[in-house]
Amino acid sequence: QVQLVESGGGMVQAGGSLRLSCAASGRTFRNYAMGWFRQAPGEERESVAAISWSGGSTFYADSVQGRFTISRDNAKNTVYLQMNSLKPEDTAVYYCAVSRFAGDYAPGKSYEYDYWGPGTQVTVSS
């Protein structure tokens, strides 16, 4: 059974940092792109960042470019999201996901992903 588990969420003041982790089990994900999405109350789920299987290609939403960094450790089947200079508008539930795409491609659309974690809450206070 495929399972993704996010961790590292919490509450932080504006300007602070958090590091999210997503551990995958039940399948070897090292050959597939992985990504992070977020959904704020009353909003649609949006892409935050994505990384190809090798880490050679990445994608970032304009709203997080320069503040967030996605990385992965294929030996641990884990993807990370380092979030710096957090803003109140970053408040959302953050989800990790595994794409069906191999190769040097970092997909930025939710329909390009097949497996999803349950999410972790990130709250940034002003």
PDB file of N, CA and C in Angstrom:
ATOM      1  N   GLN A   1       0.849  -1.193   0.000  1.00  0.00           N
ATOM      2  CA  GLN A   1       0.000   0.000   0.000  1.00  0.00           C
ATOM      3  C   GLN A   1       0.879   1.236   0.000  1.00  0.00           C
ATOM      4  N   VAL A   2       0.579   2.144  -0.893  1.00  0.00           N
ATOM      5  CA  VAL A   2       1.336   3.381  -1.003  1.00  0.00           C
ATOM      6  C   VAL A   2       0.953   4.319   0.124  1.00  0.00           C
ATOM      7  N   GLN A   3       1.962   4.903   0.758  1.00  0.00           N
ATOM      8  CA  GLN A   3       1.696   5.836   1.855  1.00  0.00           C
ATOM      9  C   GLN A   3       2.674   6.990   1.816  1.00  0.00           C
ATOM     10  N   LEU A   4       2.150   8.197   1.950  1.00  0.00           N
ATOM     11  CA  LEU A   4       2.960   9.406   2.072  1.00  0.00           C
ATOM     12  C   LEU A   4       2.610  10.061   3.398  1.00  0.00           C
ATOM     13  N   VAL A   5       3.619  10.449   4.142  1.00  0.00           N
ATOM     14  CA  VAL A   5       3.388  11.072   5.440  1.00  0.00           C
ATOM     15  C   VAL A   5       4.196  12.353   5.533  1.00  0.00           C
ATOM     16  N   GLU A   6       3.490  13.475   5.672  1.00  0.00           N
ATOM     17  CA  GLU A   6       4.149  14.765   5.830  1.00  0.00           C
ATOM     18  C   GLU A   6       4.405  15.041   7.314  1.00  0.00           C
ATOM     19  N   SER A   7       5.446  15.796   7.582  1.00  0.00           N
ATOM     20  CA  SER A   7       5.741  16.233   8.944  1.00  0.00           C
ATOM     21  C   SER A   7       6.468  17.575   8.878  1.00  0.00           C
ATOM     22  N   GLY A   8       6.540  18.237  10.023  1.00  0.00           N
ATOM     23  CA  GLY A   8       7.281  19.487  10.110  1.00  0.00           C
ATOM     24  C   GLY A   8       6.425  20.734  10.108  1.00  0.00           C
ATOM     25  N   GLY A   9       5.114  20.566   9.946  1.00  0.00           N
ATOM     26  CA  GLY A   9       4.248  21.722   9.993  1.00  0.00           C
ATOM     27  C   GLY A   9       4.137  22.283  11.402  1.00  0.00           C
ATOM     28  N   GLY A  10       3.511  23.441  11.504  1.00  0.00           N
ATOM     29  CA  GLY A  10       3.336  24.056  12.811  1.00  0.00           C
ATOM     30  C   GLY A  10       3.011  25.525  12.674  1.00  0.00           C
ATOM     31  N   MET A  11       3.194  26.230  13.779  1.00  0.00           N
ATOM     32  CA  MET A  11       2.899  27.648  13.821  1.00  0.00           C
ATOM     33  C   MET A  11       4.205  28.419  13.962  1.00  0.00           C
ATOM     34  N   VAL A  12       4.340  29.491  13.185  1.00  0.00           N
ATOM     35  CA  VAL A  12       5.564  30.286  13.213  1.00  0.00           C
ATOM     36  C   VAL A  12       5.195  31.738  12.952  1.00  0.00           C
ATOM     37  N   GLN A  13       6.003  32.639  13.451  1.00  0.00           N
ATOM     38  CA  GLN A  13       5.773  34.057  13.188  1.00  0.00           C
ATOM     39  C   GLN A  13       6.277  34.437  11.802  1.00  0.00           C
ATOM     40  N   ALA A  14       5.715  35.502  11.274  1.00  0.00           N
ATOM     41  CA  ALA A  14       6.147  35.994   9.970  1.00  0.00           C
ATOM     42  C   ALA A  14       7.648  36.265   9.995  1.00  0.00           C
ATOM     43  N   GLY A  15       8.302  35.851   8.927  1.00  0.00           N
ATOM     44  CA  GLY A  15       9.749  35.980   8.832  1.00  0.00           C
ATOM     45  C   GLY A  15      10.497  34.748   9.272  1.00  0.00           C
ATOM     46  N   GLY A  16       9.786  33.822   9.902  1.00  0.00           N
ATOM     47  CA  GLY A  16      10.410  32.608  10.388  1.00  0.00           C
ATOM     48  C   GLY A  16      10.541  31.546   9.316  1.00  0.00           C
ATOM     49  N   SER A  17      11.005  30.376   9.746  1.00  0.00           N
ATOM     50  CA  SER A  17      11.267  29.267   8.826  1.00  0.00           C
ATOM     51  C   SER A  17      10.665  27.968   9.342  1.00  0.00           C
ATOM     52  N   LEU A  18      10.348  27.107   8.429  1.00  0.00           N
ATOM     53  CA  LEU A  18       9.930  25.743   8.728  1.00  0.00           C
ATOM     54  C   LEU A  18      10.498  24.829   7.653  1.00  0.00           C
ATOM     55  N   ARG A  19      10.713  23.570   8.018  1.00  0.00           N
ATOM     56  CA  ARG A  19      11.141  22.573   7.050  1.00  0.00           C
ATOM     57  C   ARG A  19      10.158  21.417   7.068  1.00  0.00           C
ATOM     58  N   LEU A  20       9.491  21.210   5.965  1.00  0.00           N
ATOM     59  CA  LEU A  20       8.567  20.102   5.827  1.00  0.00           C
ATOM     60  C   LEU A  20       9.286  18.894   5.252  1.00  0.00           C
ATOM     61  N   SER A  21       8.875  17.723   5.715  1.00  0.00           N
ATOM     62  CA  SER A  21       9.390  16.464   5.187  1.00  0.00           C
ATOM     63  C   SER A  21       8.227  15.593   4.737  1.00  0.00           C
ATOM     64  N   CYS A  22       8.478  14.769   3.759  1.00  0.00           N
ATOM     65  CA  CYS A  22       7.465  13.825   3.284  1.00  0.00           C
ATOM     66  C   CYS A  22       8.154  12.498   3.020  1.00  0.00           C
ATOM     67  N   ALA A  23       7.800  11.505   3.804  1.00  0.00           N
ATOM     68  CA  ALA A  23       8.368  10.175   3.654  1.00  0.00           C
ATOM     69  C   ALA A  23       7.398   9.283   2.900  1.00  0.00           C
ATOM     70  N   ALA A  24       7.907   8.618   1.884  1.00  0.00           N
ATOM     71  CA  ALA A  24       7.094   7.726   1.064  1.00  0.00           C
ATOM     72  C   ALA A  24       7.422   6.277   1.388  1.00  0.00           C
ATOM     73  N   SER A  25       6.418   5.443   1.417  1.00  0.00           N
ATOM     74  CA  SER A  25       6.634   4.020   1.668  1.00  0.00           C
ATOM     75  C   SER A  25       5.669   3.201   0.833  1.00  0.00           C
ATOM     76  N   GLY A  26       5.972   1.924   0.711  1.00  0.00           N
ATOM     77  CA  GLY A  26       5.103   1.024  -0.028  1.00  0.00           C
ATOM     78  C   GLY A  26       5.449   0.922  -1.498  1.00  0.00           C
ATOM     79  N   ARG A  27       6.391   1.723  -1.931  1.00  0.00           N
ATOM     80  CA  ARG A  27       6.785   1.721  -3.336  1.00  0.00           C
ATOM     81  C   ARG A  27       8.056   2.533  -3.447  1.00  0.00           C
ATOM     82  N   THR A  28       8.867   2.241  -4.435  1.00  0.00           N
ATOM     83  CA  THR A  28      10.076   3.018  -4.661  1.00  0.00           C
ATOM     84  C   THR A  28       9.735   4.228  -5.527  1.00  0.00           C
ATOM     85  N   PHE A  29       9.850   5.404  -4.938  1.00  0.00           N
ATOM     86  CA  PHE A  29       9.477   6.620  -5.638  1.00  0.00           C
ATOM     87  C   PHE A  29      10.668   7.338  -6.240  1.00  0.00           C
ATOM     88  N   ARG A  30      11.834   6.750  -6.080  1.00  0.00           N
ATOM     89  CA  ARG A  30      13.019   7.487  -6.482  1.00  0.00           C
ATOM     90  C   ARG A  30      13.065   7.793  -7.966  1.00  0.00           C
ATOM     91  N   ASN A  31      12.299   7.071  -8.788  1.00  0.00           N
ATOM     92  CA  ASN A  31      12.318   7.311 -10.223  1.00  0.00           C
ATOM     93  C   ASN A  31      11.290   8.333 -10.684  1.00  0.00           C
ATOM     94  N   TYR A  32      10.534   8.929  -9.760  1.00  0.00           N
ATOM     95  CA  TYR A  32       9.419   9.789 -10.125  1.00  0.00           C
ATOM     96  C   TYR A  32       9.550  11.172  -9.510  1.00  0.00           C
ATOM     97  N   ALA A  33       9.007  12.133 -10.218  1.00  0.00           N
ATOM     98  CA  ALA A  33       8.969  13.494  -9.695  1.00  0.00           C
ATOM     99  C   ALA A  33       8.063  13.560  -8.467  1.00  0.00           C
ATOM    100  N   MET A  34       8.386  14.480  -7.582  1.00  0.00           N
ATOM    101  CA  MET A  34       7.579  14.705  -6.388  1.00  0.00           C
ATOM    102  C   MET A  34       7.309  16.189  -6.248  1.00  0.00           C
ATOM    103  N   GLY A  35       6.249  16.520  -5.544  1.00  0.00           N
ATOM    104  CA  GLY A  35       5.903  17.928  -5.435  1.00  0.00           C
ATOM    105  C   GLY A  35       5.217  18.259  -4.132  1.00  0.00           C
ATOM    106  N   TRP A  36       5.143  19.548  -3.878  1.00  0.00           N
ATOM    107  CA  TRP A  36       4.415  20.083  -2.733  1.00  0.00           C
ATOM    108  C   TRP A  36       3.305  21.000  -3.239  1.00  0.00           C
ATOM    109  N   PHE A  37       2.141  20.869  -2.626  1.00  0.00           N
ATOM    110  CA  PHE A  37       0.987  21.706  -2.923  1.00  0.00           C
ATOM    111  C   PHE A  37       0.481  22.281  -1.614  1.00  0.00           C
ATOM    112  N   ARG A  38      -0.377  23.267  -1.703  1.00  0.00           N
ATOM    113  CA  ARG A  38      -0.991  23.815  -0.497  1.00  0.00           C
ATOM    114  C   ARG A  38      -2.416  24.268  -0.793  1.00  0.00           C
ATOM    115  N   GLN A  39      -3.212  24.284   0.273  1.00  0.00           N
ATOM    116  CA  GLN A  39      -4.600  24.715   0.142  1.00  0.00           C
ATOM    117  C   GLN A  39      -4.983  25.508   1.381  1.00  0.00           C
ATOM    118  N   ALA A  40      -5.341  26.755   1.154  1.00  0.00           N
ATOM    119  CA  ALA A  40      -5.818  27.617   2.236  1.00  0.00           C
ATOM    120  C   ALA A  40      -7.334  27.519   2.303  1.00  0.00           C
ATOM    121  N   PRO A  41      -7.929  27.840   3.445  1.00  0.00           N
ATOM    122  CA  PRO A  41      -9.391  27.763   3.580  1.00  0.00           C
ATOM    123  C   PRO A  41     -10.087  28.597   2.508  1.00  0.00           C
ATOM    124  N   GLY A  42     -11.050  27.969   1.839  1.00  0.00           N
ATOM    125  CA  GLY A  42     -11.809  28.669   0.823  1.00  0.00           C
ATOM    126  C   GLY A  42     -11.096  28.852  -0.497  1.00  0.00           C
ATOM    127  N   GLU A  43      -9.895  28.312  -0.604  1.00  0.00           N
ATOM    128  CA  GLU A  43      -9.113  28.457  -1.831  1.00  0.00           C
ATOM    129  C   GLU A  43      -8.912  27.102  -2.499  1.00  0.00           C
ATOM    130  N   GLU A  44      -8.552  27.151  -3.770  1.00  0.00           N
ATOM    131  CA  GLU A  44      -8.220  25.920  -4.479  1.00  0.00           C
ATOM    132  C   GLU A  44      -6.802  25.487  -4.127  1.00  0.00           C
ATOM    133  N   ARG A  45      -6.557  24.191  -4.292  1.00  0.00           N
ATOM    134  CA  ARG A  45      -5.215  23.675  -4.068  1.00  0.00           C
ATOM    135  C   ARG A  45      -4.284  24.242  -5.137  1.00  0.00           C
ATOM    136  N   GLU A  46      -3.120  24.692  -4.724  1.00  0.00           N
ATOM    137  CA  GLU A  46      -2.171  25.273  -5.665  1.00  0.00           C
ATOM    138  C   GLU A  46      -0.808  24.613  -5.530  1.00  0.00           C
ATOM    139  N   SER A  47      -0.098  24.599  -6.640  1.00  0.00           N
ATOM    140  CA  SER A  47       1.239  24.039  -6.643  1.00  0.00           C
ATOM    141  C   SER A  47       2.204  25.002  -5.961  1.00  0.00           C
ATOM    142  N   VAL A  48       3.107  24.443  -5.175  1.00  0.00           N
ATOM    143  CA  VAL A  48       4.127  25.236  -4.501  1.00  0.00           C
ATOM    144  C   VAL A  48       5.495  24.997  -5.131  1.00  0.00           C
ATOM    145  N   ALA A  49       5.875  23.728  -5.222  1.00  0.00           N
ATOM    146  CA  ALA A  49       7.185  23.388  -5.764  1.00  0.00           C
ATOM    147  C   ALA A  49       7.175  21.939  -6.230  1.00  0.00           C
ATOM    148  N   ALA A  50       8.075  21.619  -7.135  1.00  0.00           N
ATOM    149  CA  ALA A  50       8.204  20.249  -7.624  1.00  0.00           C
ATOM    150  C   ALA A  50       9.660  19.979  -7.958  1.00  0.00           C
ATOM    151  N   ILE A  51      10.008  18.681  -7.962  1.00  0.00           N
ATOM    152  CA  ILE A  51      11.387  18.297  -8.237  1.00  0.00           C
ATOM    153  C   ILE A  51      11.391  17.004  -9.033  1.00  0.00           C
ATOM    154  N   SER A  52      12.243  16.943 -10.038  1.00  0.00           N
ATOM    155  CA  SER A  52      12.350  15.736 -10.851  1.00  0.00           C
ATOM    156  C   SER A  52      13.023  14.620 -10.057  1.00  0.00           C
ATOM    157  N   TRP A  53      13.016  13.412 -10.602  1.00  0.00           N
ATOM    158  CA  TRP A  53      13.534  12.266  -9.855  1.00  0.00           C
ATOM    159  C   TRP A  53      14.996  12.455  -9.466  1.00  0.00           C
ATOM    160  N   SER A  54      15.765  13.104 -10.332  1.00  0.00           N
ATOM    161  CA  SER A  54      17.193  13.270 -10.071  1.00  0.00           C
ATOM    162  C   SER A  54      17.497  14.527  -9.268  1.00  0.00           C
ATOM    163  N   GLY A  55      16.509  15.405  -9.164  1.00  0.00           N
ATOM    164  CA  GLY A  55      16.766  16.704  -8.545  1.00  0.00           C
ATOM    165  C   GLY A  55      17.308  17.719  -9.530  1.00  0.00           C
ATOM    166  N   GLY A  56      17.473  17.301 -10.783  1.00  0.00           N
ATOM    167  CA  GLY A  56      18.066  18.183 -11.775  1.00  0.00           C
ATOM    168  C   GLY A  56      17.137  19.269 -12.276  1.00  0.00           C
ATOM    169  N   SER A  57      15.838  19.055 -12.137  1.00  0.00           N
ATOM    170  CA  SER A  57      14.857  20.057 -12.537  1.00  0.00           C
ATOM    171  C   SER A  57      13.948  20.374 -11.371  1.00  0.00           C
ATOM    172  N   THR A  58      13.648  21.638 -11.210  1.00  0.00           N
ATOM    173  CA  THR A  58      12.738  22.061 -10.157  1.00  0.00           C
ATOM    174  C   THR A  58      11.741  23.076 -10.719  1.00  0.00           C
ATOM    175  N   PHE A  59      10.642  23.194 -10.008  1.00  0.00           N
ATOM    176  CA  PHE A  59       9.600  24.164 -10.336  1.00  0.00           C
ATOM    177  C   PHE A  59       9.201  24.864  -9.047  1.00  0.00           C
ATOM    178  N   TYR A  60       8.990  26.169  -9.134  1.00  0.00           N
ATOM    179  CA  TYR A  60       8.494  26.944  -7.995  1.00  0.00           C
ATOM    180  C   TYR A  60       7.387  27.880  -8.454  1.00  0.00           C
ATOM    181  N   ALA A  61       6.373  27.981  -7.622  1.00  0.00           N
ATOM    182  CA  ALA A  61       5.355  28.994  -7.863  1.00  0.00           C
ATOM    183  C   ALA A  61       5.983  30.376  -7.677  1.00  0.00           C
ATOM    184  N   ASP A  62       5.481  31.348  -8.419  1.00  0.00           N
ATOM    185  CA  ASP A  62       6.026  32.702  -8.323  1.00  0.00           C
ATOM    186  C   ASP A  62       5.971  33.230  -6.890  1.00  0.00           C
ATOM    187  N   SER A  63       4.935  32.836  -6.172  1.00  0.00           N
ATOM    188  CA  SER A  63       4.718  33.365  -4.829  1.00  0.00           C
ATOM    189  C   SER A  63       5.752  32.884  -3.816  1.00  0.00           C
ATOM    190  N   VAL A  64       6.473  31.809  -4.134  1.00  0.00           N
ATOM    191  CA  VAL A  64       7.451  31.265  -3.179  1.00  0.00           C
ATOM    192  C   VAL A  64       8.871  31.291  -3.722  1.00  0.00           C
ATOM    193  N   GLN A  65       9.023  31.663  -4.978  1.00  0.00           N
ATOM    194  CA  GLN A  65      10.343  31.704  -5.590  1.00  0.00           C
ATOM    195  C   GLN A  65      11.300  32.553  -4.757  1.00  0.00           C
ATOM    196  N   GLY A  66      12.467  32.005  -4.464  1.00  0.00           N
ATOM    197  CA  GLY A  66      13.465  32.726  -3.682  1.00  0.00           C
ATOM    198  C   GLY A  66      13.320  32.569  -2.182  1.00  0.00           C
ATOM    199  N   ARG A  67      12.205  32.017  -1.729  1.00  0.00           N
ATOM    200  CA  ARG A  67      11.979  31.812  -0.286  1.00  0.00           C
ATOM    201  C   ARG A  67      11.933  30.340   0.074  1.00  0.00           C
ATOM    202  N   PHE A  68      11.400  29.515  -0.817  1.00  0.00           N
ATOM    203  CA  PHE A  68      11.248  28.081  -0.559  1.00  0.00           C
ATOM    204  C   PHE A  68      12.256  27.305  -1.408  1.00  0.00           C
ATOM    205  N   THR A  69      12.707  26.176  -0.862  1.00  0.00           N
ATOM    206  CA  THR A  69      13.610  25.289  -1.591  1.00  0.00           C
ATOM    207  C   THR A  69      13.146  23.855  -1.435  1.00  0.00           C
ATOM    208  N   ILE A  70      12.967  23.189  -2.562  1.00  0.00           N
ATOM    209  CA  ILE A  70      12.586  21.776  -2.546  1.00  0.00           C
ATOM    210  C   ILE A  70      13.834  20.934  -2.782  1.00  0.00           C
ATOM    211  N   SER A  71      13.902  19.805  -2.089  1.00  0.00           N
ATOM    212  CA  SER A  71      15.015  18.878  -2.269  1.00  0.00           C
ATOM    213  C   SER A  71      14.511  17.471  -1.988  1.00  0.00           C
ATOM    214  N   ARG A  72      15.330  16.483  -2.317  1.00  0.00           N
ATOM    215  CA  ARG A  72      14.915  15.100  -2.081  1.00  0.00           C
ATOM    216  C   ARG A  72      16.123  14.243  -1.755  1.00  0.00           C
ATOM    217  N   ASP A  73      15.852  13.176  -1.024  1.00  0.00           N
ATOM    218  CA  ASP A  73      16.858  12.164  -0.696  1.00  0.00           C
ATOM    219  C   ASP A  73      16.285  10.843  -1.168  1.00  0.00           C
ATOM    220  N   ASN A  74      16.709  10.383  -2.315  1.00  0.00           N
ATOM    221  CA  ASN A  74      16.130   9.166  -2.892  1.00  0.00           C
ATOM    222  C   ASN A  74      16.466   7.923  -2.078  1.00  0.00           C
ATOM    223  N   ALA A  75      17.568   7.932  -1.386  1.00  0.00           N
ATOM    224  CA  ALA A  75      17.916   6.781  -0.552  1.00  0.00           C
ATOM    225  C   ALA A  75      16.919   6.611   0.590  1.00  0.00           C
ATOM    226  N   LYS A  76      16.295   7.722   0.973  1.00  0.00           N
ATOM    227  CA  LYS A  76      15.319   7.686   2.066  1.00  0.00           C
ATOM    228  C   LYS A  76      13.885   7.816   1.569  1.00  0.00           C
ATOM    229  N   ASN A  77      13.692   7.885   0.247  1.00  0.00           N
ATOM    230  CA  ASN A  77      12.347   8.073  -0.309  1.00  0.00           C
ATOM    231  C   ASN A  77      11.653   9.271   0.344  1.00  0.00           C
ATOM    232  N   THR A  78      12.387  10.347   0.484  1.00  0.00           N
ATOM    233  CA  THR A  78      11.883  11.510   1.208  1.00  0.00           C
ATOM    234  C   THR A  78      12.101  12.787   0.390  1.00  0.00           C
ATOM    235  N   VAL A  79      11.120  13.673   0.424  1.00  0.00           N
ATOM    236  CA  VAL A  79      11.229  14.986  -0.186  1.00  0.00           C
ATOM    237  C   VAL A  79      11.050  16.039   0.900  1.00  0.00           C
ATOM    238  N   TYR A  80      11.757  17.149   0.736  1.00  0.00           N
ATOM    239  CA  TYR A  80      11.746  18.209   1.739  1.00  0.00           C
ATOM    240  C   TYR A  80      11.297  19.526   1.112  1.00  0.00           C
ATOM    241  N   LEU A  81      10.774  20.395   1.960  1.00  0.00           N
ATOM    242  CA  LEU A  81      10.465  21.757   1.542  1.00  0.00           C
ATOM    243  C   LEU A  81      10.967  22.700   2.635  1.00  0.00           C
ATOM    244  N   GLN A  82      12.055  23.387   2.351  1.00  0.00           N
ATOM    245  CA  GLN A  82      12.573  24.391   3.274  1.00  0.00           C
ATOM    246  C   GLN A  82      11.872  25.703   2.976  1.00  0.00           C
ATOM    247  N   MET A  83      11.212  26.245   3.985  1.00  0.00           N
ATOM    248  CA  MET A  83      10.428  27.464   3.815  1.00  0.00           C
ATOM    249  C   MET A  83      11.020  28.565   4.690  1.00  0.00           C
ATOM    250  N   ASN A  84      11.538  29.589   4.052  1.00  0.00           N
ATOM    251  CA  ASN A  84      12.124  30.726   4.752  1.00  0.00           C
ATOM    252  C   ASN A  84      11.308  31.985   4.498  1.00  0.00           C
ATOM    253  N   SER A  85      11.541  32.986   5.327  1.00  0.00           N
ATOM    254  CA  SER A  85      10.856  34.282   5.173  1.00  0.00           C
ATOM    255  C   SER A  85       9.354  34.090   5.015  1.00  0.00           C
ATOM    256  N   LEU A  86       8.796  33.290   5.893  1.00  0.00           N
ATOM    257  CA  LEU A  86       7.383  32.959   5.787  1.00  0.00           C
ATOM    258  C   LEU A  86       6.497  34.175   5.983  1.00  0.00           C
ATOM    259  N   LYS A  87       5.378  34.178   5.268  1.00  0.00           N
ATOM    260  CA  LYS A  87       4.413  35.264   5.312  1.00  0.00           C
ATOM    261  C   LYS A  87       3.063  34.717   5.762  1.00  0.00           C
ATOM    262  N   PRO A  88       2.212  35.565   6.322  1.00  0.00           N
ATOM    263  CA  PRO A  88       0.881  35.088   6.711  1.00  0.00           C
ATOM    264  C   PRO A  88       0.124  34.442   5.553  1.00  0.00           C
ATOM    265  N   GLU A  89       0.349  34.907   4.343  1.00  0.00           N
ATOM    266  CA  GLU A  89      -0.343  34.319   3.192  1.00  0.00           C
ATOM    267  C   GLU A  89       0.171  32.936   2.818  1.00  0.00           C
ATOM    268  N   ASP A  90       1.217  32.471   3.484  1.00  0.00           N
ATOM    269  CA  ASP A  90       1.683  31.089   3.289  1.00  0.00           C
ATOM    270  C   ASP A  90       0.885  30.104   4.149  1.00  0.00           C
ATOM    271  N   THR A  91       0.020  30.613   5.000  1.00  0.00           N
ATOM    272  CA  THR A  91      -0.791  29.757   5.854  1.00  0.00           C
ATOM    273  C   THR A  91      -1.695  28.864   5.010  1.00  0.00           C
ATOM    274  N   ALA A  92      -1.592  27.561   5.228  1.00  0.00           N
ATOM    275  CA  ALA A  92      -2.356  26.585   4.441  1.00  0.00           C
ATOM    276  C   ALA A  92      -2.049  25.184   4.961  1.00  0.00           C
ATOM    277  N   VAL A  93      -2.810  24.227   4.458  1.00  0.00           N
ATOM    278  CA  VAL A  93      -2.442  22.827   4.622  1.00  0.00           C
ATOM    279  C   VAL A  93      -1.525  22.476   3.446  1.00  0.00           C
ATOM    280  N   TYR A  94      -0.373  21.912   3.762  1.00  0.00           N
ATOM    281  CA  TYR A  94       0.606  21.555   2.745  1.00  0.00           C
ATOM    282  C   TYR A  94       0.574  20.052   2.503  1.00  0.00           C
ATOM    283  N   TYR A  95       0.528  19.684   1.225  1.00  0.00           N
ATOM    284  CA  TYR A  95       0.454  18.289   0.819  1.00  0.00           C
ATOM    285  C   TYR A  95       1.666  17.929  -0.035  1.00  0.00           C
ATOM    286  N   CYS A  96       2.200  16.746   0.173  1.00  0.00           N
ATOM    287  CA  CYS A  96       3.192  16.243  -0.775  1.00  0.00           C
ATOM    288  C   CYS A  96       2.517  15.233  -1.696  1.00  0.00           C
ATOM    289  N   ALA A  97       3.113  15.040  -2.844  1.00  0.00           N
ATOM    290  CA  ALA A  97       2.526  14.159  -3.838  1.00  0.00           C
ATOM    291  C   ALA A  97       3.617  13.557  -4.713  1.00  0.00           C
ATOM    292  N   VAL A  98       3.307  12.400  -5.282  1.00  0.00           N
ATOM    293  CA  VAL A  98       4.208  11.707  -6.194  1.00  0.00           C
ATOM    294  C   VAL A  98       3.589  11.708  -7.583  1.00  0.00           C
ATOM    295  N   SER A  99       4.401  12.104  -8.546  1.00  0.00           N
ATOM    296  CA  SER A  99       3.937  12.176  -9.926  1.00  0.00           C
ATOM    297  C   SER A  99       4.099  10.845 -10.640  1.00  0.00           C
ATOM    298  N   ARG A 100       3.454  10.708 -11.766  1.00  0.00           N
ATOM    299  CA  ARG A 100       3.633   9.534 -12.613  1.00  0.00           C
ATOM    300  C   ARG A 100       4.785   9.731 -13.603  1.00  0.00           C
ATOM    301  N   PHE A 101       5.416  10.900 -13.580  1.00  0.00           N
ATOM    302  CA  PHE A 101       6.436  11.225 -14.556  1.00  0.00           C
ATOM    303  C   PHE A 101       7.834  10.890 -14.046  1.00  0.00           C
ATOM    304  N   ALA A 102       8.566  10.164 -14.894  1.00  0.00           N
ATOM    305  CA  ALA A 102       9.979   9.956 -14.688  1.00  0.00           C
ATOM    306  C   ALA A 102      10.703  10.976 -15.576  1.00  0.00           C
ATOM    307  N   GLY A 103      11.979  10.848 -15.729  1.00  0.00           N
ATOM    308  CA  GLY A 103      12.691  11.794 -16.569  1.00  0.00           C
ATOM    309  C   GLY A 103      12.980  13.096 -15.859  1.00  0.00           C
ATOM    310  N   ASP A 104      13.569  14.022 -16.585  1.00  0.00           N
ATOM    311  CA  ASP A 104      14.022  15.273 -16.003  1.00  0.00           C
ATOM    312  C   ASP A 104      12.935  16.333 -16.112  1.00  0.00           C
ATOM    313  N   TYR A 105      11.859  16.110 -15.419  1.00  0.00           N
ATOM    314  CA  TYR A 105      10.685  16.962 -15.493  1.00  0.00           C
ATOM    315  C   TYR A 105      10.114  17.154 -14.100  1.00  0.00           C
ATOM    316  N   ALA A 106       9.795  18.383 -13.766  1.00  0.00           N
ATOM    317  CA  ALA A 106       9.209  18.719 -12.480  1.00  0.00           C
ATOM    318  C   ALA A 106       7.818  19.275 -12.713  1.00  0.00           C
ATOM    319  N   PRO A 107       6.793  18.423 -12.683  1.00  0.00           N
ATOM    320  CA  PRO A 107       5.438  18.860 -13.018  1.00  0.00           C
ATOM    321  C   PRO A 107       4.843  19.804 -11.988  1.00  0.00           C
ATOM    322  N   GLY A 108       4.099  20.786 -12.495  1.00  0.00           N
ATOM    323  CA  GLY A 108       3.530  21.797 -11.601  1.00  0.00           C
ATOM    324  C   GLY A 108       2.020  21.785 -11.523  1.00  0.00           C
ATOM    325  N   LYS A 109       1.365  20.749 -12.085  1.00  0.00           N
ATOM    326  CA  LYS A 109      -0.085  20.675 -12.082  1.00  0.00           C
ATOM    327  C   LYS A 109      -0.545  19.493 -11.233  1.00  0.00           C
ATOM    328  N   SER A 110      -1.616  19.698 -10.481  1.00  0.00           N
ATOM    329  CA  SER A 110      -2.070  18.646  -9.573  1.00  0.00           C
ATOM    330  C   SER A 110      -2.505  17.395 -10.315  1.00  0.00           C
ATOM    331  N   TYR A 111      -3.032  17.530 -11.541  1.00  0.00           N
ATOM    332  CA  TYR A 111      -3.487  16.354 -12.278  1.00  0.00           C
ATOM    333  C   TYR A 111      -2.335  15.492 -12.772  1.00  0.00           C
ATOM    334  N   GLU A 112      -1.115  15.975 -12.601  1.00  0.00           N
ATOM    335  CA  GLU A 112       0.064  15.212 -12.993  1.00  0.00           C
ATOM    336  C   GLU A 112       0.568  14.325 -11.856  1.00  0.00           C
ATOM    337  N   TYR A 113      -0.166  14.300 -10.756  1.00  0.00           N
ATOM    338  CA  TYR A 113       0.236  13.531  -9.587  1.00  0.00           C
ATOM    339  C   TYR A 113      -0.791  12.452  -9.263  1.00  0.00           C
ATOM    340  N   ASP A 114      -0.289  11.309  -8.825  1.00  0.00           N
ATOM    341  CA  ASP A 114      -1.157  10.159  -8.566  1.00  0.00           C
ATOM    342  C   ASP A 114      -1.338   9.837  -7.090  1.00  0.00           C
ATOM    343  N   TYR A 115      -0.353  10.134  -6.272  1.00  0.00           N
ATOM    344  CA  TYR A 115      -0.416   9.757  -4.859  1.00  0.00           C
ATOM    345  C   TYR A 115      -0.247  11.012  -3.998  1.00  0.00           C
ATOM    346  N   TRP A 116      -1.041  11.078  -2.940  1.00  0.00           N
ATOM    347  CA  TRP A 116      -1.077  12.277  -2.098  1.00  0.00           C
ATOM    348  C   TRP A 116      -0.983  11.899  -0.623  1.00  0.00           C
ATOM    349  N   GLY A 117      -0.307  12.759   0.152  1.00  0.00           N
ATOM    350  CA  GLY A 117      -0.294  12.608   1.592  1.00  0.00           C
ATOM    351  C   GLY A 117      -1.506  13.273   2.207  1.00  0.00           C
ATOM    352  N   PRO A 118      -1.727  13.086   3.505  1.00  0.00           N
ATOM    353  CA  PRO A 118      -2.898  13.649   4.194  1.00  0.00           C
ATOM    354  C   PRO A 118      -2.771  15.139   4.478  1.00  0.00           C
ATOM    355  N   GLY A 119      -1.548  15.678   4.406  1.00  0.00           N
ATOM    356  CA  GLY A 119      -1.358  17.103   4.626  1.00  0.00           C
ATOM    357  C   GLY A 119      -0.863  17.442   6.017  1.00  0.00           C
ATOM    358  N   THR A 120      -0.196  18.594   6.113  1.00  0.00           N
ATOM    359  CA  THR A 120       0.259  19.113   7.394  1.00  0.00           C
ATOM    360  C   THR A 120      -0.021  20.611   7.424  1.00  0.00           C
ATOM    361  N   GLN A 121      -0.506  21.088   8.568  1.00  0.00           N
ATOM    362  CA  GLN A 121      -0.918  22.484   8.686  1.00  0.00           C
ATOM    363  C   GLN A 121       0.296  23.380   8.935  1.00  0.00           C
ATOM    364  N   VAL A 122       0.358  24.461   8.193  1.00  0.00           N
ATOM    365  CA  VAL A 122       1.349  25.512   8.417  1.00  0.00           C
ATOM    366  C   VAL A 122       0.587  26.807   8.676  1.00  0.00           C
ATOM    367  N   THR A 123       0.863  27.416   9.817  1.00  0.00           N
ATOM    368  CA  THR A 123       0.206  28.663  10.185  1.00  0.00           C
ATOM    369  C   THR A 123       1.270  29.717  10.459  1.00  0.00           C
ATOM    370  N   VAL A 124       1.175  30.835   9.754  1.00  0.00           N
ATOM    371  CA  VAL A 124       2.129  31.929   9.915  1.00  0.00           C
ATOM    372  C   VAL A 124       1.379  33.127  10.483  1.00  0.00           C
ATOM    373  N   SER A 125       1.797  33.552  11.659  1.00  0.00           N
ATOM    374  CA  SER A 125       1.132  34.681  12.315  1.00  0.00           C
ATOM    375  C   SER A 125       1.877  35.983  12.010  1.00  0.00           C
ATOM    376  N   SER A 126       1.116  37.052  11.970  1.00  0.00           N
ATOM    377  CA  SER A 126       1.716  38.361  11.652  1.00  0.00           C
ATOM    378  C   SER A 126       2.213  39.062  12.903  1.00  0.00           C
TER     379      SER A 126
END
